[in-house]
Amino acid sequence: MQDNKNTIAGWALAGGIAALGLSIISGKVFHADKPERPEKLGYVIEGVVSSEGEAAAEVPIATLLASADVAKGEKVFAKCSSCHSINSGGANGIGPNLYGVMGKPHASVAGFAYSDALKSKSGPWTFEEMNKWLTSPKAYADGTKMSFAGLGKAEDRANLMAWMNTQTGSPLPLPAAPAPEAATDAAPAAEGGEAPAAADGAATPAADAAAAPAAG
């Protein structure tokens, strides 16, 4: 009986030693202790383009203004209403009254104490200038007293500008949307005829845009 126990113990010990040996050998062969990064990650899927390092093309603000939703713009203005009024003759608050701001010179609302950063800006509030302001007031006029971070969505900025442009006695004309780019390749010539001439359409520059809830 004792011999059987010794035999079983011996086989168990031998099996453990063999398993340990195989583990060490396989680790050396397959570098299990130091996993290496494969040269290529994953699988290549046809038709899928990596977005790594590529920024999505932004739609010109003029294009968005051409199809802007004024009603949605009024709702976006709710974010501005705690600091700004926009009715004719409205009082200044934390920020200046914004009635008729589109087309007005920068920092021109009477009775409001603008920051030097905004007073240094020349020219009127065009759609282009206002779009930059609404995107990031601080980036547009570093030193502005306005704490609003900006509107990240271009659609929101376009809708807001379109609505603010209606809050005036003389709204600005909306900028023309850029024309689609002309095809670069000529169409194949029809039998016995000539290839049609390429369209002569240079894109109209986008008038980036928007009036911002602007505290100086």
Protein backbone atom coordinates (compact mmCIF):
# COMPACT_ATOMS: atom_id res chain seq x y z
CA MET A 1 0.00 0.00 0.00
CA GLN A 2 2.86 2.28 0.92
CA ASP A 3 4.56 1.52 -2.40
CA ASN A 4 1.45 2.61 -4.32
CA LYS A 5 1.36 5.90 -2.46
CA ASN A 6 5.01 6.51 -3.20
CA THR A 7 4.45 5.68 -6.87
CA ILE A 8 1.49 8.08 -7.13
CA ALA A 9 3.43 10.82 -5.35
CA GLY A 10 6.38 10.23 -7.66
CA TRP A 11 4.24 10.52 -10.80
CA ALA A 12 2.55 13.65 -9.47
CA LEU A 13 5.92 15.23 -8.75
CA ALA A 14 7.21 14.27 -12.17
CA GLY A 15 4.12 15.68 -13.83
CA GLY A 16 4.52 18.97 -11.96
CA ILE A 17 8.17 19.23 -12.96
CA ALA A 18 7.28 18.47 -16.60
CA ALA A 19 4.51 21.10 -16.60
CA LEU A 20 6.86 23.72 -15.13
CA GLY A 21 9.51 22.87 -17.70
CA LEU A 22 7.05 23.17 -20.59
CA SER A 23 5.83 26.50 -19.24
CA ILE A 24 9.36 27.90 -19.12
CA ILE A 25 10.20 26.64 -22.61
CA SER A 26 6.98 27.98 -24.16
CA GLY A 27 7.58 31.36 -22.48
CA LYS A 28 11.01 31.56 -24.09
CA VAL A 29 9.70 30.57 -27.50
CA PHE A 30 6.64 32.82 -27.55
CA HIS A 31 8.00 35.68 -25.39
CA ALA A 32 5.08 35.36 -23.02
CA ASP A 33 6.98 37.32 -20.38
CA LYS A 34 7.54 40.26 -22.75
CA PRO A 35 4.56 40.64 -25.08
CA GLU A 36 5.47 42.53 -28.26
CA ARG A 37 3.30 44.96 -30.24
CA PRO A 38 2.36 43.43 -33.60
CA GLU A 39 3.54 45.30 -36.67
CA LYS A 40 -0.05 45.71 -37.87
CA LEU A 41 -2.98 46.08 -35.51
CA GLY A 42 -6.24 44.38 -36.36
CA TYR A 43 -7.43 43.65 -39.87
CA VAL A 44 -7.66 45.85 -42.91
CA ILE A 45 -11.28 46.41 -43.94
CA GLU A 46 -11.74 47.56 -47.49
CA GLY A 47 -13.64 50.81 -47.89
CA VAL A 48 -12.97 52.05 -44.34
CA VAL A 49 -10.72 55.09 -44.13
CA SER A 50 -8.94 55.89 -40.90
CA SER A 51 -9.82 59.26 -39.43
CA GLU A 52 -6.58 59.38 -37.45
CA GLY A 53 -4.92 62.72 -38.02
CA GLU A 54 -7.67 63.87 -40.37
CA ALA A 55 -10.03 66.68 -39.42
CA ALA A 56 -13.55 66.52 -40.77
CA ALA A 57 -14.15 69.16 -43.41
CA GLU A 58 -16.22 71.95 -41.88
CA VAL A 59 -19.25 73.19 -43.79
CA PRO A 60 -18.82 76.90 -44.63
CA ILE A 61 -20.91 79.09 -42.34
CA ALA A 62 -22.41 80.81 -45.40
CA THR A 63 -23.81 77.47 -46.53
CA LEU A 64 -25.35 76.89 -43.11
CA LEU A 65 -26.78 80.42 -43.02
CA ALA A 66 -28.52 79.81 -46.33
CA SER A 67 -30.59 77.05 -44.71
CA ALA A 68 -30.61 78.38 -41.13
CA ASP A 69 -33.66 77.82 -38.94
CA VAL A 70 -34.65 81.11 -37.31
CA ALA A 71 -36.96 79.41 -34.79
CA LYS A 72 -34.12 77.19 -33.61
CA GLY A 73 -31.89 80.25 -33.40
CA GLU A 74 -34.33 81.90 -31.02
CA LYS A 75 -34.10 78.83 -28.78
CA VAL A 76 -30.29 78.99 -28.87
CA PHE A 77 -30.50 82.60 -27.71
CA ALA A 78 -31.97 81.31 -24.44
CA LYS A 79 -28.35 80.59 -23.47
CA CYS A 80 -27.59 84.29 -23.89
CA SER A 81 -30.72 85.80 -22.34
CA SER A 82 -29.44 85.68 -18.77
CA CYS A 83 -26.87 88.34 -19.70
CA HIS A 84 -28.34 90.07 -22.76
CA SER A 85 -31.59 91.69 -23.82
CA ILE A 86 -32.32 91.99 -27.52
CA ASN A 87 -35.48 94.07 -27.70
CA SER A 88 -35.50 97.57 -29.17
CA GLY A 89 -34.56 100.04 -26.46
CA GLY A 90 -33.77 97.24 -24.04
CA ALA A 91 -31.50 97.87 -21.10
CA ASN A 92 -27.95 96.63 -20.82
CA GLY A 93 -27.39 93.83 -18.36
CA ILE A 94 -24.25 91.88 -17.60
CA GLY A 95 -23.76 92.19 -21.35
CA PRO A 96 -24.93 94.90 -23.76
CA ASN A 97 -28.34 95.01 -25.38
CA LEU A 98 -28.03 93.18 -28.72
CA TYR A 99 -30.90 94.68 -30.71
CA GLY A 100 -29.60 95.49 -34.20
CA VAL A 101 -26.11 94.29 -33.31
CA MET A 102 -25.55 92.75 -36.75
CA GLY A 103 -23.79 95.36 -38.84
CA LYS A 104 -23.02 97.64 -35.90
CA PRO A 105 -19.43 98.60 -35.07
CA HIS A 106 -17.76 96.60 -32.31
CA ALA A 107 -18.26 97.90 -28.76
CA SER A 108 -20.79 100.54 -29.85
CA VAL A 109 -23.76 100.10 -27.50
CA ALA A 110 -24.16 103.29 -25.50
CA GLY A 111 -23.73 103.05 -21.75
CA PHE A 112 -21.98 99.69 -21.67
CA ALA A 113 -18.47 99.37 -20.25
CA TYR A 114 -16.68 97.19 -22.80
CA SER A 115 -13.32 95.58 -22.21
CA ASP A 116 -10.28 97.05 -23.91
CA ALA A 117 -9.95 93.76 -25.81
CA LEU A 118 -13.28 94.27 -27.54
CA LYS A 119 -12.86 98.01 -27.96
CA SER A 120 -9.67 97.27 -29.88
CA LYS A 121 -11.66 95.46 -32.58
CA SER A 122 -12.43 97.67 -35.57
CA GLY A 123 -15.14 97.37 -38.17
CA PRO A 124 -18.71 96.10 -37.91
CA TRP A 125 -20.15 92.86 -36.62
CA THR A 126 -20.32 91.02 -39.92
CA PHE A 127 -21.46 87.42 -40.13
CA GLU A 128 -17.84 86.38 -40.44
CA GLU A 129 -16.74 88.29 -37.35
CA MET A 130 -19.72 87.21 -35.31
CA ASN A 131 -19.18 83.58 -36.21
CA LYS A 132 -15.64 83.80 -34.84
CA TRP A 133 -16.88 85.50 -31.69
CA LEU A 134 -19.62 82.94 -31.08
CA THR A 135 -17.15 80.12 -31.62
CA SER A 136 -14.86 81.35 -28.83
CA PRO A 137 -15.16 84.85 -27.37
CA LYS A 138 -11.85 84.50 -25.55
CA ALA A 139 -9.98 83.42 -28.68
CA TYR A 140 -11.58 86.26 -30.65
CA ALA A 141 -10.82 88.96 -28.07
CA ASP A 142 -8.40 87.73 -25.44
CA GLY A 143 -9.18 89.75 -22.32
CA THR A 144 -12.92 90.00 -22.90
CA LYS A 145 -15.08 90.17 -19.77
CA MET A 146 -17.51 87.71 -21.31
CA SER A 147 -17.24 84.32 -19.61
CA PHE A 148 -19.33 82.38 -22.14
CA ALA A 149 -17.23 79.53 -23.58
CA GLY A 150 -18.79 79.68 -27.05
CA LEU A 151 -21.00 77.54 -29.28
CA GLY A 152 -19.21 74.48 -30.61
CA LYS A 153 -21.82 73.50 -33.21
CA ALA A 154 -21.68 75.54 -36.41
CA GLU A 155 -25.39 74.84 -37.00
CA ASP A 156 -26.26 76.50 -33.68
CA ARG A 157 -24.16 79.52 -34.56
CA ALA A 158 -25.78 79.85 -37.97
CA ASN A 159 -29.30 79.51 -36.56
CA LEU A 160 -28.55 82.04 -33.82
CA MET A 161 -27.07 84.56 -36.24
CA ALA A 162 -29.99 84.21 -38.62
CA TRP A 163 -32.43 84.92 -35.78
CA MET A 164 -30.41 87.81 -34.35
CA ASN A 165 -30.33 89.31 -37.82
CA THR A 166 -34.12 89.56 -37.69
CA GLN A 167 -33.97 91.53 -34.43
CA THR A 168 -33.35 94.86 -36.12
CA GLY A 169 -35.06 97.41 -38.30
CA SER A 170 -32.57 96.78 -41.11
CA PRO A 171 -31.35 93.18 -41.29
CA LEU A 172 -28.18 92.41 -43.20
CA PRO A 173 -28.41 90.41 -46.42
CA LEU A 174 -27.33 86.84 -45.82
CA PRO A 175 -24.02 85.90 -47.46
CA ALA A 176 -24.20 83.84 -50.62
CA ALA A 177 -23.50 80.15 -50.16
CA PRO A 178 -20.37 78.92 -51.95
CA ALA A 179 -21.02 77.37 -55.35
CA PRO A 180 -20.20 73.67 -55.69
CA GLU A 181 -16.73 73.04 -57.05
CA ALA A 182 -16.56 72.45 -60.79
CA ALA A 183 -15.69 68.92 -61.90
CA THR A 184 -12.01 68.62 -62.70
CA ASP A 185 -12.34 65.85 -65.23
CA ALA A 186 -13.91 66.58 -68.58
CA ALA A 187 -16.86 64.39 -69.52
CA PRO A 188 -16.12 61.82 -72.22
CA ALA A 189 -16.75 63.18 -75.71
CA ALA A 190 -19.89 61.88 -77.39
CA GLU A 191 -19.44 60.07 -80.68
CA GLY A 192 -18.78 62.64 -83.38
CA GLY A 193 -18.85 65.53 -80.89
CA GLU A 194 -16.71 67.37 -78.40
CA ALA A 195 -16.51 67.01 -74.67
CA PRO A 196 -18.64 69.63 -72.91
CA ALA A 197 -16.72 72.50 -71.40
CA ALA A 198 -16.17 72.42 -67.65
CA ALA A 199 -18.39 74.72 -65.62
CA ASP A 200 -16.74 78.01 -64.77
CA GLY A 201 -17.71 78.20 -61.09
CA ALA A 202 -15.33 79.55 -58.53
CA ALA A 203 -16.61 79.10 -55.02
CA THR A 204 -17.85 82.26 -53.38
CA PRO A 205 -15.88 82.84 -50.17
CA ALA A 206 -17.91 81.86 -47.14
CA ALA A 207 -18.80 84.86 -45.08
CA ASP A 208 -18.16 83.20 -41.74
CA ALA A 209 -20.49 84.47 -39.42
CA ALA A 210 -22.22 85.49 -36.50
CA ALA A 211 -23.28 87.95 -33.99
CA ALA A 212 -22.31 86.88 -30.56
CA PRO A 213 -23.89 87.54 -27.25
CA ALA A 214 -21.14 90.00 -26.59
CA ALA A 215 -20.05 91.32 -23.33
CA GLY A 216 -16.85 93.19 -23.79
